[in-house]
Amino acid sequence: MSAASAGETIVVDGTCVGDAQLDKDVTIAGAGAQGTLGAAATAVPDTLVGSGTSSTLRILGSADVTIRDLVITGGAGIVVGFYRYGGNIYIDDTSSLHLTNVKLTNGTADTGAGIYAYDASIRLDGKTVISGGTASFWGGGVFLSDATLVGTSWFRYTAPSHALARVRWMAHPRPFVTS
């Protein structure tokens, strides 16, 4: 995925394991004709599975990324200092992300188990669901720092009782990240 050319559509057919960094405009789409979340109960959804050691997807460098008809799971966030940010998706650098019929599930991080966004914009459409994320501090679903979130979705999450878990927005300096 990281080697894709700008403007390219990357088709995931089945299960793709590993982490990727995207710094250009791309579309990632499941191959299923009915769409991942609209498929029959017996269908195996097209899935991106993180390595469990980093964010499944890191979106940087003003990239405009569209993801549709996929399950994204198993991300553990990128380590910055002593903390992990962006379990399944980490996005910053004025990038934008458009999710349609995407299920983000089972991400873990200290902040932003489903998505961590700094200085970025996110749009959620269709049957996008963020569930099963575990955040130690904030954002079991999504954590936004100087970022925007548009659209509707379902959030189910796990977080300690002191954490604000579904969507957390705050304006503060971002963690320093090198690519």
Foldseek 3Di string as FASTA:
>chain_A
DQPDDAPEEAEQEAEAEEAHEHQHEYEYEYPDPLAQVRDDPPDHFREYAYPLAAANYEYENQYEYEYTRYEFERAEADDFPHWGFHFHYEYEHQHEYEYERYEYAHGETQEARRYEYENYEYEYYHAYEYEHAEHAAEESGYEYENYYYYDDYYYYGDYPPNYHYHYHYYHDDDGDDDD
